[in-house]
C-alpha atoms as a PDB file:
ATOM      1  CA  UNK A   1     209.589 120.074 204.974  1.00  0.00           C
ATOM      2  CA  UNK A   2     209.075 119.294 201.314  1.00  0.00           C
ATOM      3  CA  UNK A   3     207.017 116.190 202.082  1.00  0.00           C
ATOM      4  CA  UNK A   4     204.805 118.188 204.469  1.00  0.00           C
ATOM      5  CA  UNK A   5     204.163 120.860 201.820  1.00  0.00           C
ATOM      6  CA  UNK A   6     203.448 118.200 199.214  1.00  0.00           C
ATOM      7  CA  UNK A   7     200.941 116.526 201.564  1.00  0.00           C
ATOM      8  CA  UNK A   8     199.146 119.847 202.146  1.00  0.00           C
ATOM      9  CA  UNK A   9     198.851 120.455 198.399  1.00  0.00           C
ATOM     10  CA  UNK A  10     197.502 116.948 197.740  1.00  0.00           C
ATOM     11  CA  UNK A  11     194.824 117.083 200.477  1.00  0.00           C
ATOM     12  CA  UNK A  12     192.410 119.517 198.738  1.00  0.00           C
ATOM     13  CA  UNK A  13     192.608 117.524 195.513  1.00  0.00           C
ATOM     14  CA  UNK A  14     191.625 114.333 197.326  1.00  0.00           C
ATOM     15  CA  UNK A  15     188.660 116.042 198.994  1.00  0.00           C
ATOM     16  CA  UNK A  16     187.474 117.452 195.663  1.00  0.00           C
ATOM     17  CA  UNK A  17     187.666 114.098 193.918  1.00  0.00           C
ATOM     18  CA  UNK A  18     185.510 112.521 196.641  1.00  0.00           C
ATOM     19  CA  UNK A  19     182.849 115.166 196.106  1.00  0.00           C
ATOM     20  CA  UNK A  20     182.908 114.687 192.350  1.00  0.00           C
ATOM     21  CA  UNK A  21     182.459 110.934 192.848  1.00  0.00           C
ATOM     22  CA  UNK A  22     179.253 111.546 194.837  1.00  0.00           C
ATOM     23  CA  UNK A  23     178.013 113.968 192.206  1.00  0.00           C
ATOM     24  CA  UNK A  24     178.640 111.380 189.483  1.00  0.00           C
ATOM     25  CA  UNK A  25     176.816 108.675 191.480  1.00  0.00           C
ATOM     26  CA  UNK A  26     173.841 110.985 191.983  1.00  0.00           C
ATOM     27  CA  UNK A  27     173.852 111.847 188.289  1.00  0.00           C
ATOM     28  CA  UNK A  28     173.879 108.155 187.330  1.00  0.00           C
ATOM     29  CA  UNK A  29     170.929 107.496 189.661  1.00  0.00           C
ATOM     30  CA  UNK A  30     168.945 110.393 188.157  1.00  0.00           C
ATOM     31  CA  UNK A  31     169.608 109.162 184.623  1.00  0.00           C
ATOM     32  CA  UNK A  32     168.562 105.605 185.548  1.00  0.00           C
ATOM     33  CA  UNK A  33     165.370 106.958 187.125  1.00  0.00           C
ATOM     34  CA  UNK A  34     164.515 109.041 184.049  1.00  0.00           C
ATOM     35  CA  UNK A  35     165.137 106.328 181.467  1.00  0.00           C
ATOM     36  CA  UNK A  36     164.246 103.109 183.301  1.00  0.00           C
ATOM     37  CA  UNK A  37     162.147 103.441 186.444  1.00  0.00           C
ATOM     38  CA  UNK A  38     159.825 106.297 185.464  1.00  0.00           C
ATOM     39  CA  UNK A  39     158.641 104.813 182.120  1.00  0.00           C
ATOM     40  CA  UNK A  40     158.091 101.421 183.737  1.00  0.00           C
ATOM     41  CA  UNK A  41     155.918 102.965 186.477  1.00  0.00           C
ATOM     42  CA  UNK A  42     153.921 104.851 183.848  1.00  0.00           C
ATOM     43  CA  UNK A  43     153.320 101.659 181.864  1.00  0.00           C
ATOM     44  CA  UNK A  44     152.301  99.777 185.005  1.00  0.00           C
ATOM     45  CA  UNK A  45     149.849 102.539 185.966  1.00  0.00           C
ATOM     46  CA  UNK A  46     148.258 102.426 182.484  1.00  0.00           C
ATOM     47  CA  UNK A  47     147.857  98.639 182.751  1.00  0.00           C
ATOM     48  CA  UNK A  48     146.184  98.967 186.171  1.00  0.00           C
ATOM     49  CA  UNK A  49     143.771 101.562 184.763  1.00  0.00           C
ATOM     50  CA  UNK A  50     142.991  99.268 181.813  1.00  0.00           C
ATOM     51  CA  UNK A  51     142.244  96.350 184.147  1.00  0.00           C
ATOM     52  CA  UNK A  52     140.061  98.525 186.390  1.00  0.00           C
ATOM     53  CA  UNK A  53     138.090  99.793 183.380  1.00  0.00           C
ATOM     54  CA  UNK A  54     137.238  96.403 181.907  1.00  0.00           C
ATOM     55  CA  UNK A  55     133.616  95.838 180.990  1.00  0.00           C
ATOM     56  CA  UNK A  56     131.537  93.044 179.491  1.00  0.00           C
ATOM     57  CA  UNK A  57     132.260  92.562 175.794  1.00  0.00           C
ATOM     58  CA  UNK A  58     135.859  93.855 175.831  1.00  0.00           C
ATOM     59  CA  UNK A  59     138.303  91.760 173.808  1.00  0.00           C
ATOM     60  CA  UNK A  60     141.473  90.925 175.739  1.00  0.00           C
ATOM     61  CA  UNK A  61     144.706  88.961 175.616  1.00  0.00           C
ATOM     62  CA  UNK A  62     146.109  87.222 178.693  1.00  0.00           C
ATOM     63  CA  UNK A  63     149.756  86.865 179.648  1.00  0.00           C
ATOM     64  CA  UNK A  64     149.597  83.262 178.436  1.00  0.00           C
ATOM     65  CA  UNK A  65     148.423  84.376 174.983  1.00  0.00           C
ATOM     66  CA  UNK A  66     144.739  83.430 175.312  1.00  0.00           C
ATOM     67  CA  UNK A  67     142.446  85.658 173.260  1.00  0.00           C
ATOM     68  CA  UNK A  68     138.893  86.077 174.480  1.00  0.00           C
ATOM     69  CA  UNK A  69     135.941  88.310 175.266  1.00  0.00           C
ATOM     70  CA  UNK A  70     135.043  89.436 178.787  1.00  0.00           C
ATOM     71  CA  UNK A  71     131.818  87.714 179.874  1.00  0.00           C
ATOM     72  CA  UNK A  72     131.638  88.819 183.521  1.00  0.00           C
ATOM     73  CA  UNK A  73     133.825  90.680 185.992  1.00  0.00           C
ATOM     74  CA  UNK A  74     134.518  90.219 189.702  1.00  0.00           C
ATOM     75  CA  UNK A  75     136.879  92.068 192.040  1.00  0.00           C
ATOM     76  CA  UNK A  76     139.699  89.549 191.634  1.00  0.00           C
ATOM     77  CA  UNK A  77     138.920  87.595 188.480  1.00  0.00           C
ATOM     78  CA  UNK A  78     137.311  87.862 185.050  1.00  0.00           C
ATOM     79  CA  UNK A  79     135.304  85.205 183.214  1.00  0.00           C
ATOM     80  CA  UNK A  80     136.466  85.156 179.598  1.00  0.00           C
ATOM     81  CA  UNK A  81     134.573  83.544 176.723  1.00  0.00           C
ATOM     82  CA  UNK A  82     137.179  81.875 174.553  1.00  0.00           C
ATOM     83  CA  UNK A  83     135.294  79.925 171.886  1.00  0.00           C
ATOM     84  CA  UNK A  84     131.583  79.159 171.688  1.00  0.00           C
ATOM     85  CA  UNK A  85     130.469  78.060 175.140  1.00  0.00           C
ATOM     86  CA  UNK A  86     133.984  77.726 176.554  1.00  0.00           C
ATOM     87  CA  UNK A  87     134.543  80.094 179.483  1.00  0.00           C
ATOM     88  CA  UNK A  88     137.681  80.522 181.553  1.00  0.00           C
ATOM     89  CA  UNK A  89     137.983  82.221 184.925  1.00  0.00           C
ATOM     90  CA  UNK A  90     141.172  84.278 184.838  1.00  0.00           C
ATOM     91  CA  UNK A  91     142.821  86.423 187.504  1.00  0.00           C
ATOM     92  CA  UNK A  92     142.724  90.140 186.624  1.00  0.00           C
ATOM     93  CA  UNK A  93     146.506  90.326 186.999  1.00  0.00           C
ATOM     94  CA  UNK A  94     146.848  87.878 184.075  1.00  0.00           C
ATOM     95  CA  UNK A  95     145.216  90.256 181.600  1.00  0.00           C
ATOM     96  CA  UNK A  96     147.886  91.854 179.462  1.00  0.00           C
ATOM     97  CA  UNK A  97     146.243  94.041 176.822  1.00  0.00           C
ATOM     98  CA  UNK A  98     143.205  94.958 174.763  1.00  0.00           C
ATOM     99  CA  UNK A  99     142.973  92.814 171.621  1.00  0.00           C
ATOM    100  CA  UNK A 100     140.305  94.892 169.877  1.00  0.00           C
ATOM    101  CA  UNK A 101     143.065  97.193 168.591  1.00  0.00           C
ATOM    102  CA  UNK A 102     144.892  94.140 167.135  1.00  0.00           C
ATOM    103  CA  UNK A 103     141.758  93.010 165.295  1.00  0.00           C
ATOM    104  CA  UNK A 104     141.222  96.469 163.772  1.00  0.00           C
ATOM    105  CA  UNK A 105     144.783  96.577 162.387  1.00  0.00           C
ATOM    106  CA  UNK A 106     144.422  93.298 160.450  1.00  0.00           C
END
């Protein structure tokens, strides 16, 4: 009889600990979303808006570190003037940031 009573007392504690585990997992997911996923999506959205708003004469930096000035724009690529008459055709996805802000800081 004692073992049966002990088993009945232990059962609610086991059910409660399972619920608290799920609450903790949900809390961890929410924290990860707030501090990791959400800021990354925001940064990616800003980069897409920057690429969509490019115009002739903008100074840019590519992912590979090439500095240049936008010469012409297409749907999928951008022609960048690098030095003198040197022009490179670069995919829009390879454009990383605006370099005009870097030049103003120096």
